[in-house]
Amino acid sequence: TVSATNTISNALFILDMGMNIVGEVKDFGKDETIKSVNYNGDLAYVVTYEQTDPLFAIDTSNPENPVILDEFKINGYSTYMQKWSDGLLLGFGIDADEYAIERGVKLVMFDTSDPNNLKEVGLATYSSTEKYIYSSAIWERKNLYIDAERNIISFPVNISEYKTEFKNVFYSYENGEFIKKGEINLSEDAGGYSRVLYINGYLYLVNSDEFISLTLDTIEIVESIKWER
């Protein structure tokens, strides 16, 4: 909400089955905007952003009295969050410096095993101070592939300088850090929008220009076909 003094205020409301407010937490992340939310049991995780990325852990076990347990700040912000495993929360979003200048995209892993003491336990950035780097997965969740069972995360990136390059990058999370497994160069007609899916031991990458099969372990192209136009 925005007050008469143009101060931004964020809130979490809990409703009953009759859509009546039974509990609330107000006025957190002042002058920041909510970028993503994740619910896990009785815990709500909320990311707000203006210059840094506070991750709030909110206990909703008592619906009439939700309580903020912790606030953890890092640069940039997550536009999407998803449980990776028990005690780990994966975030994907914008990489930015301490002055809130956006430089690219990032993966971040949060340790939520103790919601009173949130921690960062992994960070990978795909960014540059010289080129413009963006991902359609920032606003289109379906372009972000998250497979905790097979330990693969993938998303498309656009890299612009004099012309735009299109890629899909692949990461795993191992021993507290993100490992880049590989990247696939895409054609100019790919347009920066792609989906990845798993079928019978292979990964498949689909965009508006081609259909590509990939090895699961080494992220190498097995075969590709162009769509007829």
Protein backbone atom coordinates (compact mmCIF):
# COMPACT_ATOMS: atom_id res chain seq x y z
CA THR A 1 0.00 0.00 0.00
CA VAL A 2 1.01 3.66 -0.48
CA SER A 3 0.18 6.22 2.18
CA ALA A 4 -0.63 9.89 1.74
CA THR A 5 3.06 10.63 2.22
CA ASN A 6 3.96 8.22 -0.64
CA THR A 7 5.53 5.77 1.80
CA ILE A 8 5.31 2.17 0.58
CA SER A 9 4.20 -0.33 3.20
CA ASN A 10 3.95 -4.12 2.86
CA ALA A 11 1.68 -6.49 4.73
CA LEU A 12 0.70 -10.14 5.00
CA PHE A 13 -2.95 -10.92 5.79
CA ILE A 14 -4.45 -14.24 6.90
CA LEU A 15 -8.10 -14.87 5.97
CA ASP A 16 -10.62 -17.40 7.22
CA MET A 17 -12.99 -19.41 5.00
CA GLY A 18 -15.38 -16.46 4.94
CA MET A 19 -12.61 -14.20 3.57
CA ASN A 20 -12.44 -12.27 6.84
CA ILE A 21 -9.07 -11.02 8.08
CA VAL A 22 -8.10 -12.94 11.22
CA GLY A 23 -4.41 -12.04 11.42
CA GLU A 24 -1.90 -9.68 9.86
CA VAL A 25 1.67 -8.43 9.80
CA LYS A 26 2.02 -4.86 8.62
CA ASP A 27 4.69 -2.30 7.82
CA PHE A 28 7.62 -4.55 6.93
CA GLY A 29 10.04 -3.75 4.11
CA LYS A 30 9.10 -0.06 4.21
CA ASP A 31 9.69 1.84 0.96
CA GLU A 32 10.32 -1.50 -0.77
CA THR A 33 8.07 -3.59 -3.03
CA ILE A 34 7.27 -7.29 -2.77
CA LYS A 35 9.03 -9.29 -5.49
CA SER A 36 8.25 -12.93 -4.57
CA VAL A 37 6.58 -15.07 -1.91
CA ASN A 38 6.93 -18.74 -0.97
CA TYR A 39 4.79 -20.69 1.49
CA ASN A 40 6.13 -23.80 3.21
CA GLY A 41 3.89 -25.24 5.89
CA ASP A 42 3.39 -22.64 8.61
CA LEU A 43 6.17 -20.43 7.24
CA ALA A 44 5.88 -17.67 4.66
CA TYR A 45 9.00 -16.30 2.96
CA VAL A 46 8.69 -12.83 1.42
CA VAL A 47 11.25 -10.94 -0.65
CA THR A 48 11.01 -7.15 -0.85
CA TYR A 49 13.33 -4.82 -2.74
CA GLU A 50 14.48 -1.26 -3.16
CA GLN A 51 18.27 -1.38 -2.94
CA THR A 52 18.89 -4.69 -1.17
CA ASP A 53 16.92 -7.93 -1.09
CA PRO A 54 15.49 -8.64 2.37
CA LEU A 55 14.14 -12.16 2.79
CA PHE A 56 11.58 -12.23 5.60
CA ALA A 57 10.61 -15.45 7.40
CA ILE A 58 7.11 -15.14 8.85
CA ASP A 59 5.62 -17.70 11.25
CA THR A 60 1.90 -18.20 10.51
CA SER A 61 1.33 -21.17 12.86
CA ASN A 62 -0.93 -18.93 14.95
CA PRO A 63 -3.21 -17.41 12.28
CA GLU A 64 -4.34 -14.68 14.63
CA ASN A 65 -0.81 -13.58 15.42
CA PRO A 66 1.69 -14.11 12.57
CA VAL A 67 5.22 -13.11 13.57
CA ILE A 68 8.31 -12.06 11.61
CA LEU A 69 11.13 -14.35 12.76
CA ASP A 70 14.08 -13.04 10.77
CA GLU A 71 15.15 -10.66 7.99
CA PHE A 72 18.15 -11.45 5.80
CA LYS A 73 19.56 -8.90 3.33
CA ILE A 74 21.59 -9.45 0.15
CA ASN A 75 22.08 -7.48 -3.08
CA GLY A 76 19.59 -7.87 -5.92
CA TYR A 77 16.29 -9.68 -5.47
CA SER A 78 14.52 -12.97 -6.17
CA THR A 79 11.52 -12.90 -8.49
CA TYR A 80 10.76 -16.56 -7.81
CA MET A 81 11.40 -18.89 -4.86
CA GLN A 82 10.88 -22.64 -4.52
CA LYS A 83 11.70 -25.26 -1.90
CA TRP A 84 14.80 -27.18 -3.00
CA SER A 85 14.88 -29.66 -0.11
CA ASP A 86 14.20 -29.68 3.61
CA GLY A 87 15.91 -26.58 4.99
CA LEU A 88 16.87 -25.14 1.60
CA LEU A 89 15.01 -22.50 -0.40
CA LEU A 90 16.07 -21.68 -3.98
CA GLY A 91 15.73 -18.14 -5.29
CA PHE A 92 16.05 -16.90 -8.88
CA GLY A 93 16.04 -13.27 -9.93
CA ILE A 94 18.00 -10.10 -10.62
CA ASP A 95 21.64 -9.60 -9.75
CA ALA A 96 22.43 -6.05 -8.64
CA ASP A 97 25.27 -4.26 -6.90
CA GLU A 98 25.15 -2.37 -3.61
CA TYR A 99 23.86 0.71 -5.46
CA ALA A 100 20.89 -1.26 -6.90
CA ILE A 101 22.35 -1.16 -10.42
CA GLU A 102 21.08 -4.30 -12.16
CA ARG A 103 23.80 -6.36 -13.87
CA GLY A 104 22.18 -9.65 -14.84
CA VAL A 105 20.52 -12.64 -13.21
CA LYS A 106 21.34 -14.82 -10.23
CA LEU A 107 20.62 -18.04 -8.38
CA VAL A 108 20.73 -17.99 -4.59
CA MET A 109 20.24 -20.75 -2.05
CA PHE A 110 18.93 -19.89 1.40
CA ASP A 111 19.37 -22.07 4.47
CA THR A 112 15.95 -22.03 6.15
CA SER A 113 16.60 -24.89 8.58
CA ASP A 114 16.41 -22.29 11.37
CA PRO A 115 13.89 -19.63 10.27
CA ASN A 116 15.12 -17.44 13.13
CA ASN A 117 18.57 -17.36 11.52
CA LEU A 118 18.35 -17.26 7.72
CA LYS A 119 21.59 -17.76 5.79
CA GLU A 120 22.89 -17.69 2.23
CA VAL A 121 24.52 -21.01 1.33
CA GLY A 122 25.17 -20.58 -2.39
CA LEU A 123 25.20 -17.86 -5.04
CA ALA A 124 25.70 -17.92 -8.80
CA THR A 125 25.49 -14.84 -10.97
CA TYR A 126 25.28 -14.55 -14.74
CA SER A 127 26.02 -10.87 -15.07
CA SER A 128 28.24 -8.21 -16.59
CA THR A 129 29.11 -4.57 -16.07
CA GLU A 130 29.63 -4.09 -19.83
CA LYS A 131 26.82 -6.07 -21.47
CA TYR A 132 23.08 -6.10 -20.88
CA ILE A 133 22.05 -9.52 -19.58
CA TYR A 134 18.45 -10.50 -19.00
CA SER A 135 16.28 -13.61 -18.78
CA SER A 136 12.67 -14.11 -19.80
CA ALA A 137 12.40 -16.41 -16.76
CA ILE A 138 12.36 -13.27 -14.62
CA TRP A 139 8.72 -12.76 -15.50
CA GLU A 140 7.77 -16.10 -17.12
CA ARG A 141 8.10 -18.84 -14.50
CA LYS A 142 7.69 -21.61 -17.12
CA ASN A 143 11.01 -20.62 -18.71
CA LEU A 144 12.76 -21.57 -15.46
CA TYR A 145 13.47 -25.31 -15.12
CA ILE A 146 14.00 -26.55 -11.55
CA ASP A 147 14.59 -30.25 -10.99
CA ALA A 148 15.83 -30.96 -7.47
CA GLU A 149 15.53 -34.74 -7.95
CA ARG A 150 18.06 -34.71 -10.82
CA ASN A 151 19.90 -31.64 -9.48
CA ILE A 152 19.43 -29.42 -12.53
CA ILE A 153 18.43 -25.77 -12.84
CA SER A 154 18.17 -24.10 -16.25
CA PHE A 155 17.06 -20.75 -17.65
CA PRO A 156 17.46 -18.74 -20.86
CA VAL A 157 19.63 -15.62 -21.02
CA ASN A 158 19.83 -12.76 -23.51
CA ILE A 159 23.25 -11.11 -23.82
CA SER A 160 23.19 -7.78 -25.62
CA GLU A 161 26.03 -5.52 -26.72
CA TYR A 162 26.19 -4.75 -30.45
CA LYS A 163 23.86 -7.64 -31.15
CA THR A 164 21.91 -10.06 -28.96
CA GLU A 165 23.05 -13.60 -28.20
CA PHE A 166 20.64 -16.21 -26.85
CA LYS A 167 21.70 -19.06 -24.58
CA ASN A 168 20.30 -21.56 -22.12
CA VAL A 169 22.48 -22.15 -19.08
CA PHE A 170 22.45 -25.17 -16.77
CA TYR A 171 23.50 -25.39 -13.11
CA SER A 172 23.57 -27.95 -10.32
CA TYR A 173 23.85 -27.38 -6.57
CA GLU A 174 26.57 -29.41 -4.89
CA ASN A 175 28.30 -29.16 -1.51
CA GLY A 176 27.03 -25.68 -0.78
CA GLU A 177 27.68 -24.08 -4.16
CA PHE A 178 26.18 -23.77 -7.62
CA ILE A 179 28.13 -25.56 -10.35
CA LYS A 180 27.72 -24.49 -13.96
CA LYS A 181 27.10 -27.70 -15.92
CA GLY A 182 27.02 -26.11 -19.36
CA GLU A 183 25.35 -23.69 -21.72
CA ILE A 184 23.72 -24.10 -25.11
CA ASN A 185 24.02 -21.43 -27.77
CA LEU A 186 20.69 -20.76 -29.45
CA SER A 187 19.89 -19.25 -32.83
CA GLU A 188 18.97 -15.62 -33.36
CA ASP A 189 15.41 -16.75 -34.08
CA ALA A 190 15.05 -18.31 -30.63
CA GLY A 191 13.98 -14.94 -29.28
CA GLY A 192 15.08 -15.54 -25.70
CA TYR A 193 12.12 -17.75 -24.81
CA SER A 194 12.71 -21.44 -24.17
CA ARG A 195 11.44 -24.35 -22.11
CA VAL A 196 13.37 -27.34 -20.78
CA LEU A 197 11.81 -30.68 -19.89
CA TYR A 198 12.99 -34.16 -18.89
CA ILE A 199 11.87 -37.37 -20.64
CA ASN A 200 13.38 -40.85 -20.20
CA GLY A 201 16.95 -39.90 -19.33
CA TYR A 202 17.30 -36.88 -21.64
CA LEU A 203 16.68 -33.16 -21.41
CA TYR A 204 14.78 -31.43 -24.19
CA LEU A 205 15.06 -27.73 -24.99
CA VAL A 206 12.24 -26.16 -26.98
CA ASN A 207 11.96 -22.65 -28.37
CA SER A 208 10.30 -20.93 -31.30
CA ASP A 209 13.09 -21.97 -33.71
CA GLU A 210 14.29 -25.45 -32.75
CA PHE A 211 13.89 -28.62 -30.73
CA ILE A 212 17.06 -29.91 -29.06
CA SER A 213 17.79 -33.12 -27.16
CA LEU A 214 20.57 -33.01 -24.55
CA THR A 215 22.51 -35.49 -22.46
CA LEU A 216 21.48 -35.33 -18.82
CA ASP A 217 24.91 -35.47 -17.18
CA THR A 218 27.11 -33.46 -19.55
CA ILE A 219 24.56 -31.12 -21.21
CA GLU A 220 25.72 -31.92 -24.73
CA ILE A 221 23.53 -31.74 -27.83
CA VAL A 222 22.40 -35.16 -29.05
CA GLU A 223 20.29 -33.92 -31.95
CA SER A 224 18.42 -30.80 -33.01
CA ILE A 225 15.79 -29.97 -35.58
CA LYS A 226 14.53 -26.67 -36.93
CA TRP A 227 10.83 -25.99 -37.11
CA GLU A 228 9.43 -25.68 -40.61
CA ARG A 229 8.13 -22.22 -41.40
